[in-house]
Amino acid sequence: MPESTLVSIAAALATGAPNELYDLVKREFSRSDAKAEALRAARGAGDHSLEVSRLATMLEVAEQDNPHFAKALRGKWHQL
């Protein structure tokens, strides 16, 4: 299960996160159909929904795959 910070980020993305955070994730996820679909599916979903949980998992995978994305994501999140 993804850490709570990633779940919080996923919930924010689902419920209308600031554009710069959403755009960062959208850009990173554009390289993967599965990740892009998880982001699309989570839009408008509830905080504790399956879609948000799946998005948090995809964020975790993306962070593991790309340390630069992980740093950028955490940095944007802490600015909010």
N, C-alpha and C. Protein backbone atom coordinates (compact mmCIF):
# COMPACT_ATOMS: atom_id res chain seq x y z
N MET A 1 0.85 -1.18 0.00
CA MET A 1 0.00 0.00 0.00
C MET A 1 0.89 1.25 0.00
N PRO A 2 0.54 2.22 -0.82
CA PRO A 2 1.34 3.45 -0.89
C PRO A 2 1.30 4.21 0.44
N GLU A 3 2.34 4.97 0.68
CA GLU A 3 2.40 5.76 1.90
C GLU A 3 1.32 6.83 1.90
N SER A 4 1.02 7.35 3.08
CA SER A 4 -0.10 8.28 3.24
C SER A 4 0.09 9.57 2.43
N THR A 5 1.32 10.02 2.26
CA THR A 5 1.55 11.23 1.46
C THR A 5 1.08 11.03 0.03
N LEU A 6 1.38 9.88 -0.54
CA LEU A 6 0.97 9.61 -1.91
C LEU A 6 -0.55 9.46 -2.02
N VAL A 7 -1.17 8.91 -1.00
CA VAL A 7 -2.64 8.81 -0.98
C VAL A 7 -3.23 10.22 -0.92
N SER A 8 -2.64 11.10 -0.13
CA SER A 8 -3.12 12.48 -0.04
C SER A 8 -2.95 13.21 -1.37
N ILE A 9 -1.82 13.01 -2.01
CA ILE A 9 -1.59 13.63 -3.32
C ILE A 9 -2.61 13.11 -4.33
N ALA A 10 -2.84 11.81 -4.32
CA ALA A 10 -3.81 11.21 -5.25
C ALA A 10 -5.20 11.78 -5.00
N ALA A 11 -5.58 11.93 -3.75
CA ALA A 11 -6.90 12.49 -3.42
C ALA A 11 -7.00 13.94 -3.90
N ALA A 12 -5.93 14.69 -3.72
CA ALA A 12 -5.92 16.08 -4.20
C ALA A 12 -6.04 16.14 -5.72
N LEU A 13 -5.33 15.25 -6.40
CA LEU A 13 -5.43 15.21 -7.85
C LEU A 13 -6.84 14.86 -8.31
N ALA A 14 -7.50 14.01 -7.57
CA ALA A 14 -8.86 13.58 -7.93
C ALA A 14 -9.87 14.70 -7.72
N THR A 15 -9.61 15.55 -6.75
CA THR A 15 -10.62 16.55 -6.37
C THR A 15 -10.25 17.96 -6.81
N GLY A 16 -9.31 18.09 -7.71
CA GLY A 16 -9.01 19.40 -8.26
C GLY A 16 -7.76 20.04 -7.71
N ALA A 17 -6.66 19.35 -7.76
CA ALA A 17 -5.37 19.88 -7.31
C ALA A 17 -4.99 21.09 -8.17
N PRO A 18 -4.12 21.93 -7.63
CA PRO A 18 -3.64 23.06 -8.44
C PRO A 18 -3.06 22.57 -9.76
N ASN A 19 -3.21 23.38 -10.78
CA ASN A 19 -2.81 23.00 -12.14
C ASN A 19 -1.36 22.55 -12.22
N GLU A 20 -0.46 23.22 -11.52
CA GLU A 20 0.95 22.86 -11.66
C GLU A 20 1.22 21.45 -11.13
N LEU A 21 0.54 21.03 -10.09
CA LEU A 21 0.69 19.66 -9.57
C LEU A 21 0.08 18.67 -10.56
N TYR A 22 -1.12 18.96 -11.01
CA TYR A 22 -1.79 18.08 -11.98
C TYR A 22 -0.97 17.97 -13.26
N ASP A 23 -0.47 19.10 -13.75
CA ASP A 23 0.30 19.08 -14.99
C ASP A 23 1.59 18.28 -14.85
N LEU A 24 2.24 18.38 -13.71
CA LEU A 24 3.46 17.60 -13.45
C LEU A 24 3.16 16.10 -13.56
N VAL A 25 2.10 15.67 -12.91
CA VAL A 25 1.73 14.25 -12.92
C VAL A 25 1.27 13.83 -14.31
N LYS A 26 0.47 14.65 -14.94
CA LYS A 26 -0.03 14.33 -16.27
C LYS A 26 1.14 14.16 -17.25
N ARG A 27 2.11 15.04 -17.17
CA ARG A 27 3.28 14.96 -18.05
C ARG A 27 4.05 13.66 -17.81
N GLU A 28 4.28 13.33 -16.55
CA GLU A 28 5.01 12.09 -16.21
C GLU A 28 4.22 10.85 -16.63
N PHE A 29 2.91 10.88 -16.42
CA PHE A 29 2.08 9.72 -16.72
C PHE A 29 1.79 9.57 -18.21
N SER A 30 2.10 10.57 -19.01
CA SER A 30 1.80 10.49 -20.45
C SER A 30 2.61 9.41 -21.15
N ARG A 31 3.66 8.94 -20.50
CA ARG A 31 4.50 7.88 -21.09
C ARG A 31 3.93 6.48 -20.88
N SER A 32 2.85 6.39 -20.10
CA SER A 32 2.29 5.08 -19.79
C SER A 32 0.76 5.15 -19.90
N ASP A 33 0.20 4.31 -20.74
CA ASP A 33 -1.26 4.28 -20.88
C ASP A 33 -1.94 3.94 -19.57
N ALA A 34 -1.38 2.99 -18.83
CA ALA A 34 -2.00 2.57 -17.57
C ALA A 34 -1.98 3.70 -16.54
N LYS A 35 -0.86 4.40 -16.45
CA LYS A 35 -0.77 5.52 -15.50
C LYS A 35 -1.69 6.66 -15.91
N ALA A 36 -1.70 6.98 -17.21
CA ALA A 36 -2.57 8.05 -17.71
C ALA A 36 -4.04 7.71 -17.46
N GLU A 37 -4.40 6.47 -17.64
CA GLU A 37 -5.79 6.05 -17.39
C GLU A 37 -6.12 6.15 -15.91
N ALA A 38 -5.19 5.81 -15.04
CA ALA A 38 -5.43 5.93 -13.60
C ALA A 38 -5.68 7.38 -13.21
N LEU A 39 -4.93 8.30 -13.81
CA LEU A 39 -5.13 9.72 -13.53
C LEU A 39 -6.49 10.18 -14.03
N ARG A 40 -6.86 9.79 -15.23
CA ARG A 40 -8.18 10.15 -15.79
C ARG A 40 -9.31 9.57 -14.95
N ALA A 41 -9.18 8.32 -14.57
CA ALA A 41 -10.25 7.64 -13.83
C ALA A 41 -10.46 8.25 -12.44
N ALA A 42 -9.41 8.79 -11.86
CA ALA A 42 -9.51 9.33 -10.51
C ALA A 42 -10.18 10.71 -10.47
N ARG A 43 -10.19 11.42 -11.59
CA ARG A 43 -10.78 12.76 -11.60
C ARG A 43 -12.23 12.70 -11.14
N GLY A 44 -12.53 13.43 -10.08
CA GLY A 44 -13.88 13.49 -9.55
C GLY A 44 -14.24 12.35 -8.61
N ALA A 45 -13.34 11.40 -8.42
CA ALA A 45 -13.62 10.27 -7.52
C ALA A 45 -13.44 10.71 -6.06
N GLY A 46 -14.08 10.01 -5.18
CA GLY A 46 -13.98 10.31 -3.76
C GLY A 46 -12.62 9.98 -3.18
N ASP A 47 -12.30 10.62 -2.07
CA ASP A 47 -10.99 10.46 -1.42
C ASP A 47 -10.62 9.01 -1.14
N HIS A 48 -11.59 8.20 -0.76
CA HIS A 48 -11.30 6.83 -0.36
C HIS A 48 -11.75 5.81 -1.41
N SER A 49 -11.85 6.27 -2.64
CA SER A 49 -12.33 5.40 -3.71
C SER A 49 -11.22 4.48 -4.23
N LEU A 50 -11.65 3.47 -4.92
CA LEU A 50 -10.71 2.55 -5.58
C LEU A 50 -9.85 3.30 -6.60
N GLU A 51 -10.44 4.27 -7.29
CA GLU A 51 -9.71 5.03 -8.30
C GLU A 51 -8.57 5.84 -7.67
N VAL A 52 -8.83 6.44 -6.53
CA VAL A 52 -7.78 7.21 -5.85
C VAL A 52 -6.70 6.27 -5.32
N SER A 53 -7.10 5.13 -4.82
CA SER A 53 -6.14 4.14 -4.35
C SER A 53 -5.25 3.67 -5.49
N ARG A 54 -5.84 3.43 -6.64
CA ARG A 54 -5.06 3.00 -7.81
C ARG A 54 -4.10 4.10 -8.27
N LEU A 55 -4.58 5.34 -8.23
CA LEU A 55 -3.72 6.45 -8.61
C LEU A 55 -2.54 6.58 -7.64
N ALA A 56 -2.79 6.41 -6.35
CA ALA A 56 -1.70 6.45 -5.37
C ALA A 56 -0.66 5.37 -5.66
N THR A 57 -1.13 4.20 -6.03
CA THR A 57 -0.21 3.11 -6.39
C THR A 57 0.61 3.48 -7.62
N MET A 58 -0.03 4.08 -8.60
CA MET A 58 0.69 4.50 -9.81
C MET A 58 1.69 5.61 -9.50
N LEU A 59 1.36 6.50 -8.58
CA LEU A 59 2.31 7.53 -8.15
C LEU A 59 3.53 6.89 -7.49
N GLU A 60 3.28 5.86 -6.69
CA GLU A 60 4.37 5.15 -6.03
C GLU A 60 5.30 4.50 -7.06
N VAL A 61 4.73 3.87 -8.05
CA VAL A 61 5.52 3.23 -9.11
C VAL A 61 6.32 4.29 -9.88
N ALA A 62 5.66 5.39 -10.20
CA ALA A 62 6.33 6.46 -10.95
C ALA A 62 7.50 7.04 -10.15
N GLU A 63 7.32 7.19 -8.85
CA GLU A 63 8.42 7.68 -8.01
C GLU A 63 9.59 6.70 -7.99
N GLN A 64 9.27 5.43 -7.94
CA GLN A 64 10.33 4.42 -7.92
C GLN A 64 11.07 4.39 -9.26
N ASP A 65 10.33 4.60 -10.35
CA ASP A 65 10.92 4.56 -11.69
C ASP A 65 11.71 5.81 -12.04
N ASN A 66 11.34 6.94 -11.43
CA ASN A 66 11.94 8.21 -11.82
C ASN A 66 12.19 9.08 -10.58
N PRO A 67 13.39 9.03 -10.03
CA PRO A 67 13.72 9.82 -8.84
C PRO A 67 13.54 11.32 -9.04
N HIS A 68 13.75 11.81 -10.26
CA HIS A 68 13.56 13.24 -10.53
C HIS A 68 12.09 13.61 -10.39
N PHE A 69 11.22 12.75 -10.87
CA PHE A 69 9.78 12.98 -10.71
C PHE A 69 9.42 12.95 -9.23
N ALA A 70 9.97 12.00 -8.50
CA ALA A 70 9.67 11.90 -7.06
C ALA A 70 10.03 13.19 -6.35
N LYS A 71 11.20 13.72 -6.65
CA LYS A 71 11.64 14.96 -6.01
C LYS A 71 10.74 16.13 -6.40
N ALA A 72 10.39 16.22 -7.68
CA ALA A 72 9.52 17.30 -8.15
C ALA A 72 8.13 17.20 -7.55
N LEU A 73 7.60 15.98 -7.49
CA LEU A 73 6.26 15.77 -6.92
C LEU A 73 6.23 16.18 -5.46
N ARG A 74 7.20 15.72 -4.69
CA ARG A 74 7.23 16.05 -3.26
C ARG A 74 7.45 17.56 -3.06
N GLY A 75 8.27 18.14 -3.90
CA GLY A 75 8.50 19.57 -3.80
C GLY A 75 7.25 20.38 -4.04
N LYS A 76 6.52 20.05 -5.11
CA LYS A 76 5.26 20.74 -5.41
C LYS A 76 4.26 20.53 -4.28
N TRP A 77 4.19 19.32 -3.76
CA TRP A 77 3.24 19.01 -2.70
C TRP A 77 3.53 19.84 -1.45
N HIS A 78 4.78 19.99 -1.10
CA HIS A 78 5.15 20.75 0.10
C HIS A 78 4.93 22.25 -0.09
N GLN A 79 4.87 22.71 -1.33
CA GLN A 79 4.60 24.12 -1.59
C GLN A 79 3.13 24.47 -1.40
N LEU A 80 2.27 23.47 -1.44
CA LEU A 80 0.82 23.73 -1.31
C LEU A 80 0.41 24.02 0.11
